[in-house]
N, C-alpha and C. Protein backbone atom coordinates (compact mmCIF):
# COMPACT_ATOMS: atom_id res chain seq x y z
N UNK A 1 2.93 -2.97 27.88
CA UNK A 1 2.99 -3.48 26.52
C UNK A 1 4.41 -3.94 26.26
N UNK A 2 4.56 -5.15 25.76
CA UNK A 2 5.89 -5.63 25.42
C UNK A 2 6.35 -4.99 24.13
N UNK A 3 7.67 -5.02 23.89
CA UNK A 3 8.21 -4.35 22.72
C UNK A 3 7.78 -5.00 21.41
N UNK A 4 7.25 -6.20 21.46
CA UNK A 4 6.84 -6.86 20.22
C UNK A 4 5.32 -6.92 20.07
N UNK A 5 4.59 -6.22 20.93
CA UNK A 5 3.14 -6.21 20.84
C UNK A 5 2.67 -5.17 19.84
N UNK A 6 1.92 -5.60 18.85
CA UNK A 6 1.41 -4.70 17.83
C UNK A 6 0.19 -3.95 18.36
N UNK A 7 0.13 -2.67 18.06
CA UNK A 7 -1.04 -1.87 18.45
C UNK A 7 -2.14 -2.19 17.45
N UNK A 8 -3.29 -2.62 17.94
CA UNK A 8 -4.33 -3.20 17.08
C UNK A 8 -4.93 -2.23 16.07
N UNK A 9 -4.97 -0.95 16.38
CA UNK A 9 -5.58 -0.01 15.45
C UNK A 9 -4.64 0.40 14.32
N UNK A 10 -3.38 0.06 14.42
CA UNK A 10 -2.40 0.37 13.39
C UNK A 10 -1.80 -0.93 12.88
N UNK A 11 -1.95 -1.19 11.58
CA UNK A 11 -1.36 -2.41 11.05
C UNK A 11 -0.39 -2.14 9.90
N UNK A 12 -0.64 -1.11 9.09
CA UNK A 12 0.23 -0.80 7.96
C UNK A 12 0.87 0.57 8.18
N UNK A 13 2.20 0.60 8.07
CA UNK A 13 2.95 1.83 8.31
C UNK A 13 3.79 2.16 7.08
N UNK A 14 3.69 3.40 6.66
CA UNK A 14 4.50 3.92 5.55
C UNK A 14 5.70 4.64 6.13
N UNK A 15 6.90 4.24 5.71
CA UNK A 15 8.14 4.91 6.11
C UNK A 15 8.62 5.75 4.93
N UNK A 16 8.92 7.02 5.18
CA UNK A 16 9.50 7.89 4.16
C UNK A 16 10.82 8.44 4.70
N UNK A 17 11.92 7.95 4.14
CA UNK A 17 13.25 8.40 4.54
C UNK A 17 14.17 8.20 3.35
N UNK A 18 15.02 9.19 3.08
CA UNK A 18 15.91 9.06 1.93
C UNK A 18 17.13 8.19 2.23
N UNK A 19 17.31 7.80 3.47
CA UNK A 19 18.41 6.92 3.86
C UNK A 19 17.93 5.46 3.85
N UNK A 20 18.53 4.66 2.99
CA UNK A 20 18.17 3.24 2.94
C UNK A 20 18.48 2.58 4.28
N UNK A 21 19.57 2.97 4.91
CA UNK A 21 19.95 2.41 6.22
C UNK A 21 18.84 2.65 7.24
N UNK A 22 18.30 3.87 7.28
CA UNK A 22 17.22 4.19 8.21
C UNK A 22 15.95 3.41 7.88
N UNK A 23 15.64 3.31 6.59
CA UNK A 23 14.43 2.56 6.21
C UNK A 23 14.55 1.09 6.63
N UNK A 24 15.72 0.51 6.42
CA UNK A 24 15.93 -0.89 6.82
C UNK A 24 15.80 -1.04 8.34
N UNK A 25 16.42 -0.13 9.08
CA UNK A 25 16.36 -0.19 10.54
C UNK A 25 14.91 -0.09 11.03
N UNK A 26 14.18 0.89 10.51
CA UNK A 26 12.77 1.04 10.91
C UNK A 26 11.93 -0.16 10.49
N UNK A 27 12.14 -0.62 9.24
CA UNK A 27 11.37 -1.78 8.76
C UNK A 27 11.58 -2.99 9.67
N UNK A 28 12.82 -3.24 10.07
CA UNK A 28 13.11 -4.39 10.94
C UNK A 28 12.41 -4.26 12.28
N UNK A 29 12.45 -3.07 12.87
CA UNK A 29 11.76 -2.84 14.14
C UNK A 29 10.26 -3.09 13.98
N UNK A 30 9.69 -2.51 12.94
CA UNK A 30 8.24 -2.59 12.74
C UNK A 30 7.79 -4.00 12.37
N UNK A 31 8.52 -4.67 11.50
CA UNK A 31 8.13 -6.03 11.11
C UNK A 31 8.25 -7.00 12.29
N UNK A 32 9.27 -6.82 13.13
CA UNK A 32 9.40 -7.67 14.33
C UNK A 32 8.19 -7.50 15.23
N UNK A 33 7.62 -6.30 15.22
CA UNK A 33 6.45 -6.01 16.06
C UNK A 33 5.14 -6.40 15.38
N UNK A 34 5.21 -6.91 14.14
CA UNK A 34 4.02 -7.42 13.48
C UNK A 34 3.35 -6.47 12.50
N UNK A 35 3.96 -5.34 12.21
CA UNK A 35 3.38 -4.39 11.28
C UNK A 35 3.72 -4.72 9.84
N UNK A 36 2.84 -4.33 8.93
CA UNK A 36 3.12 -4.36 7.50
C UNK A 36 3.77 -3.03 7.17
N UNK A 37 4.86 -3.06 6.40
CA UNK A 37 5.64 -1.85 6.15
C UNK A 37 5.71 -1.54 4.66
N UNK A 38 5.46 -0.29 4.33
CA UNK A 38 5.67 0.24 2.99
C UNK A 38 6.81 1.25 3.09
N UNK A 39 7.62 1.37 2.05
CA UNK A 39 8.76 2.28 2.09
C UNK A 39 8.81 3.16 0.86
N UNK A 40 9.15 4.43 1.08
CA UNK A 40 9.45 5.37 0.00
C UNK A 40 10.66 6.20 0.44
N UNK A 41 11.25 6.93 -0.52
CA UNK A 41 12.47 7.66 -0.17
C UNK A 41 12.39 9.17 -0.32
N UNK A 42 11.18 9.72 -0.50
CA UNK A 42 11.05 11.18 -0.59
C UNK A 42 9.68 11.62 -0.09
N UNK A 43 9.59 12.93 0.15
CA UNK A 43 8.31 13.50 0.56
C UNK A 43 7.26 13.39 -0.53
N UNK A 44 7.68 13.59 -1.79
CA UNK A 44 6.74 13.46 -2.91
C UNK A 44 6.18 12.04 -2.99
N UNK A 45 7.08 11.06 -2.87
CA UNK A 45 6.63 9.66 -2.90
C UNK A 45 5.72 9.35 -1.72
N UNK A 46 5.98 9.96 -0.58
CA UNK A 46 5.14 9.73 0.60
C UNK A 46 3.72 10.21 0.36
N UNK A 47 3.59 11.39 -0.26
CA UNK A 47 2.25 11.93 -0.54
C UNK A 47 1.49 10.98 -1.48
N UNK A 48 2.16 10.52 -2.52
CA UNK A 48 1.51 9.61 -3.49
C UNK A 48 1.16 8.27 -2.85
N UNK A 49 2.07 7.73 -2.06
CA UNK A 49 1.83 6.43 -1.41
C UNK A 49 0.70 6.53 -0.39
N UNK A 50 0.59 7.67 0.28
CA UNK A 50 -0.50 7.85 1.25
C UNK A 50 -1.85 7.78 0.55
N UNK A 51 -1.93 8.41 -0.62
CA UNK A 51 -3.19 8.40 -1.39
C UNK A 51 -3.48 7.01 -1.93
N UNK A 52 -2.46 6.35 -2.43
CA UNK A 52 -2.65 5.04 -3.07
C UNK A 52 -2.92 3.92 -2.07
N UNK A 53 -2.20 3.92 -0.94
CA UNK A 53 -2.25 2.77 -0.02
C UNK A 53 -3.03 3.02 1.27
N UNK A 54 -3.30 4.27 1.61
CA UNK A 54 -3.99 4.60 2.86
C UNK A 54 -3.44 3.83 4.06
N UNK A 55 -2.15 4.03 4.38
CA UNK A 55 -1.58 3.35 5.55
C UNK A 55 -2.24 3.85 6.83
N UNK A 56 -2.06 3.10 7.90
CA UNK A 56 -2.62 3.49 9.20
C UNK A 56 -1.77 4.53 9.91
N UNK A 57 -0.50 4.64 9.49
CA UNK A 57 0.44 5.59 10.08
C UNK A 57 1.52 5.89 9.05
N UNK A 58 2.00 7.14 9.07
CA UNK A 58 3.10 7.53 8.19
C UNK A 58 4.23 8.04 9.08
N UNK A 59 5.43 7.50 8.84
CA UNK A 59 6.63 7.95 9.55
C UNK A 59 7.48 8.73 8.54
N UNK A 60 7.70 10.02 8.82
CA UNK A 60 8.41 10.89 7.89
C UNK A 60 9.71 11.42 8.47
N UNK A 61 10.78 11.30 7.69
CA UNK A 61 12.00 12.03 7.98
C UNK A 61 11.73 13.48 7.59
N UNK A 62 12.50 14.42 8.09
CA UNK A 62 12.29 15.82 7.71
C UNK A 62 13.14 16.19 6.51
N UNK A 63 14.42 15.91 6.59
CA UNK A 63 15.33 16.33 5.53
C UNK A 63 15.44 15.21 4.49
N UNK A 64 14.78 15.43 3.34
CA UNK A 64 14.80 14.48 2.23
C UNK A 64 14.85 15.25 0.93
N UNK A 65 15.44 14.65 -0.08
CA UNK A 65 15.39 15.23 -1.42
C UNK A 65 13.98 15.06 -1.95
N UNK A 66 13.60 15.89 -2.91
CA UNK A 66 12.31 15.78 -3.58
C UNK A 66 11.14 15.85 -2.62
N UNK A 67 11.10 16.91 -1.85
CA UNK A 67 9.98 17.12 -0.93
C UNK A 67 10.33 16.72 0.48
N UNK A 68 10.53 17.70 1.36
CA UNK A 68 10.91 17.36 2.73
C UNK A 68 9.69 16.89 3.53
N UNK A 69 9.97 16.42 4.73
CA UNK A 69 8.92 15.88 5.58
C UNK A 69 7.88 16.90 6.00
N UNK A 70 8.31 18.14 6.21
CA UNK A 70 7.34 19.18 6.56
C UNK A 70 6.33 19.38 5.42
N UNK A 71 6.84 19.51 4.20
CA UNK A 71 5.97 19.70 3.04
C UNK A 71 5.02 18.50 2.86
N UNK A 72 5.58 17.31 3.01
CA UNK A 72 4.76 16.10 2.85
C UNK A 72 3.68 16.04 3.91
N UNK A 73 4.03 16.31 5.15
CA UNK A 73 3.06 16.29 6.24
C UNK A 73 1.94 17.29 5.98
N UNK A 74 2.32 18.50 5.62
CA UNK A 74 1.33 19.54 5.35
C UNK A 74 0.37 19.11 4.23
N UNK A 75 0.92 18.54 3.15
CA UNK A 75 0.09 18.11 2.02
C UNK A 75 -0.83 16.95 2.41
N UNK A 76 -0.31 16.01 3.18
CA UNK A 76 -1.10 14.85 3.62
C UNK A 76 -2.26 15.32 4.51
N UNK A 77 -1.98 16.27 5.38
CA UNK A 77 -3.01 16.76 6.30
C UNK A 77 -4.02 17.67 5.63
N UNK A 78 -3.68 18.25 4.49
CA UNK A 78 -4.61 19.11 3.76
C UNK A 78 -5.46 18.34 2.75
N UNK A 79 -5.12 17.10 2.50
CA UNK A 79 -5.84 16.27 1.53
C UNK A 79 -6.97 15.54 2.25
N UNK A 80 -8.19 15.71 1.80
CA UNK A 80 -9.35 15.09 2.47
C UNK A 80 -9.24 13.57 2.51
N UNK A 81 -8.57 12.96 1.54
CA UNK A 81 -8.43 11.50 1.50
C UNK A 81 -7.39 10.97 2.48
N UNK A 82 -6.47 11.82 2.92
CA UNK A 82 -5.37 11.34 3.78
C UNK A 82 -5.26 12.07 5.11
N UNK A 83 -6.06 13.09 5.32
CA UNK A 83 -5.89 13.92 6.52
C UNK A 83 -6.09 13.15 7.83
N UNK A 84 -6.79 12.03 7.78
CA UNK A 84 -7.04 11.24 8.98
C UNK A 84 -5.84 10.38 9.40
N UNK A 85 -4.85 10.24 8.52
CA UNK A 85 -3.71 9.37 8.80
C UNK A 85 -2.73 10.09 9.73
N UNK A 86 -2.43 9.50 10.89
CA UNK A 86 -1.46 10.14 11.78
C UNK A 86 -0.06 10.13 11.17
N UNK A 87 0.68 11.20 11.43
CA UNK A 87 2.05 11.34 10.94
C UNK A 87 2.99 11.43 12.14
N UNK A 88 3.99 10.58 12.13
CA UNK A 88 5.02 10.57 13.16
C UNK A 88 6.33 10.99 12.51
N UNK A 89 6.87 12.13 12.90
CA UNK A 89 8.13 12.59 12.36
C UNK A 89 9.26 11.84 13.05
N UNK A 90 10.23 11.38 12.26
CA UNK A 90 11.41 10.69 12.79
C UNK A 90 12.61 11.40 12.19
N UNK A 91 13.29 12.22 12.98
CA UNK A 91 14.29 13.11 12.42
C UNK A 91 15.51 13.27 13.32
N UNK A 92 16.62 13.61 12.70
CA UNK A 92 17.82 13.95 13.44
C UNK A 92 17.79 15.37 13.97
N UNK A 93 16.80 16.14 13.57
CA UNK A 93 16.66 17.52 14.03
C UNK A 93 16.06 17.50 15.44
N UNK A 94 16.84 18.01 16.40
CA UNK A 94 16.44 17.90 17.80
C UNK A 94 16.11 19.25 18.43
N UNK A 95 15.93 20.27 17.62
CA UNK A 95 15.62 21.60 18.12
C UNK A 95 14.14 21.69 18.46
N UNK A 96 13.79 22.28 19.61
CA UNK A 96 12.36 22.43 19.95
C UNK A 96 11.56 23.15 18.87
N UNK A 97 12.19 24.07 18.14
CA UNK A 97 11.50 24.78 17.06
C UNK A 97 11.09 23.79 15.95
N UNK A 98 11.96 22.82 15.65
CA UNK A 98 11.62 21.81 14.64
C UNK A 98 10.41 20.99 15.07
N UNK A 99 10.38 20.63 16.34
CA UNK A 99 9.26 19.84 16.85
C UNK A 99 7.96 20.65 16.80
N UNK A 100 8.05 21.92 17.17
CA UNK A 100 6.88 22.80 17.12
C UNK A 100 6.41 22.98 15.68
N UNK A 101 7.33 23.18 14.74
CA UNK A 101 6.97 23.36 13.34
C UNK A 101 6.32 22.09 12.79
N UNK A 102 6.84 20.93 13.17
CA UNK A 102 6.23 19.66 12.74
C UNK A 102 4.79 19.57 13.24
N UNK A 103 4.57 19.95 14.48
CA UNK A 103 3.22 19.93 15.05
C UNK A 103 2.31 20.88 14.28
N UNK A 104 2.82 22.05 13.92
CA UNK A 104 2.02 23.02 13.18
C UNK A 104 1.68 22.53 11.78
N UNK A 105 2.49 21.64 11.23
CA UNK A 105 2.22 21.07 9.91
C UNK A 105 1.21 19.92 9.99
N UNK A 106 0.91 19.48 11.21
CA UNK A 106 -0.07 18.42 11.40
C UNK A 106 0.48 17.13 11.96
N UNK A 107 1.77 17.08 12.27
CA UNK A 107 2.35 15.85 12.82
C UNK A 107 1.75 15.55 14.19
N UNK A 108 1.52 14.27 14.42
CA UNK A 108 0.94 13.82 15.68
C UNK A 108 1.99 13.48 16.72
N UNK A 109 3.23 13.28 16.27
CA UNK A 109 4.31 12.92 17.19
C UNK A 109 5.66 13.17 16.55
N UNK A 110 6.71 13.07 17.37
CA UNK A 110 8.06 13.40 16.92
C UNK A 110 9.05 12.52 17.67
N UNK A 111 9.88 11.80 16.94
CA UNK A 111 10.94 10.98 17.54
C UNK A 111 12.26 11.46 16.97
N UNK A 112 13.24 11.63 17.84
CA UNK A 112 14.55 12.12 17.42
C UNK A 112 15.51 10.96 17.20
N UNK A 113 16.25 11.02 16.08
CA UNK A 113 17.33 10.07 15.81
C UNK A 113 18.56 10.53 16.60
N UNK A 114 19.37 9.64 17.08
CA UNK A 114 19.19 8.19 17.07
C UNK A 114 18.13 7.78 18.08
N UNK A 115 17.47 6.70 17.80
CA UNK A 115 16.38 6.22 18.65
C UNK A 115 16.61 4.76 19.00
N UNK A 116 15.89 4.34 20.01
CA UNK A 116 15.88 2.92 20.40
C UNK A 116 14.60 2.30 19.86
N UNK A 117 14.59 1.00 19.74
CA UNK A 117 13.39 0.30 19.29
C UNK A 117 12.18 0.69 20.15
N UNK A 118 12.39 0.79 21.46
CA UNK A 118 11.28 1.14 22.36
C UNK A 118 10.74 2.54 22.08
N UNK A 119 11.60 3.47 21.62
CA UNK A 119 11.12 4.82 21.29
C UNK A 119 10.11 4.76 20.14
N UNK A 120 10.43 3.96 19.13
CA UNK A 120 9.54 3.81 17.98
C UNK A 120 8.23 3.16 18.38
N UNK A 121 8.30 2.05 19.09
CA UNK A 121 7.09 1.32 19.46
C UNK A 121 6.23 2.11 20.45
N UNK A 122 6.87 2.81 21.36
CA UNK A 122 6.11 3.65 22.30
C UNK A 122 5.46 4.83 21.58
N UNK A 123 6.16 5.40 20.60
CA UNK A 123 5.59 6.50 19.82
C UNK A 123 4.34 6.06 19.08
N UNK A 124 4.39 4.86 18.52
CA UNK A 124 3.22 4.31 17.81
C UNK A 124 2.09 4.04 18.80
N UNK A 125 2.41 3.46 19.93
CA UNK A 125 1.40 3.15 20.95
C UNK A 125 0.72 4.44 21.43
N UNK A 126 1.50 5.50 21.61
CA UNK A 126 0.92 6.77 22.07
C UNK A 126 -0.06 7.32 21.03
N UNK A 127 0.26 7.19 19.76
CA UNK A 127 -0.64 7.66 18.70
C UNK A 127 -1.92 6.83 18.67
N UNK A 128 -1.79 5.54 18.86
CA UNK A 128 -2.96 4.66 18.81
C UNK A 128 -3.92 4.93 19.96
N UNK A 129 -3.39 5.42 21.07
CA UNK A 129 -4.23 5.69 22.24
C UNK A 129 -4.89 7.06 22.19
N UNK A 130 -4.36 7.95 21.35
CA UNK A 130 -4.91 9.31 21.34
C UNK A 130 -6.09 9.45 20.41
């Protein structure tokens, strides 16, 4: 798969990160690959946007004001309307315990910052295949 090939089962991706710089970086990677991107800056906003927009994938930072990524992931996975949406954690936390905790909250994948464009696109491709 080339770095600009869109995974057909995923077209709309919600990014939740309190850093505008990170949201812009992710949006540019995803839009170059052909995805439609929605952006929010907190875990609370991510939960609401998931219900309102039903994206095909949610990318969550862990450390955010107004609801962290763990809380948002847990809430999204417990809601019957959004539990089917895969969640990909994108975080600067690189401890194996953080990755395990994300998985226990319902995350389908985990990418550590800093990342390369290929890390993001491969992470999405892996979710689409599972």
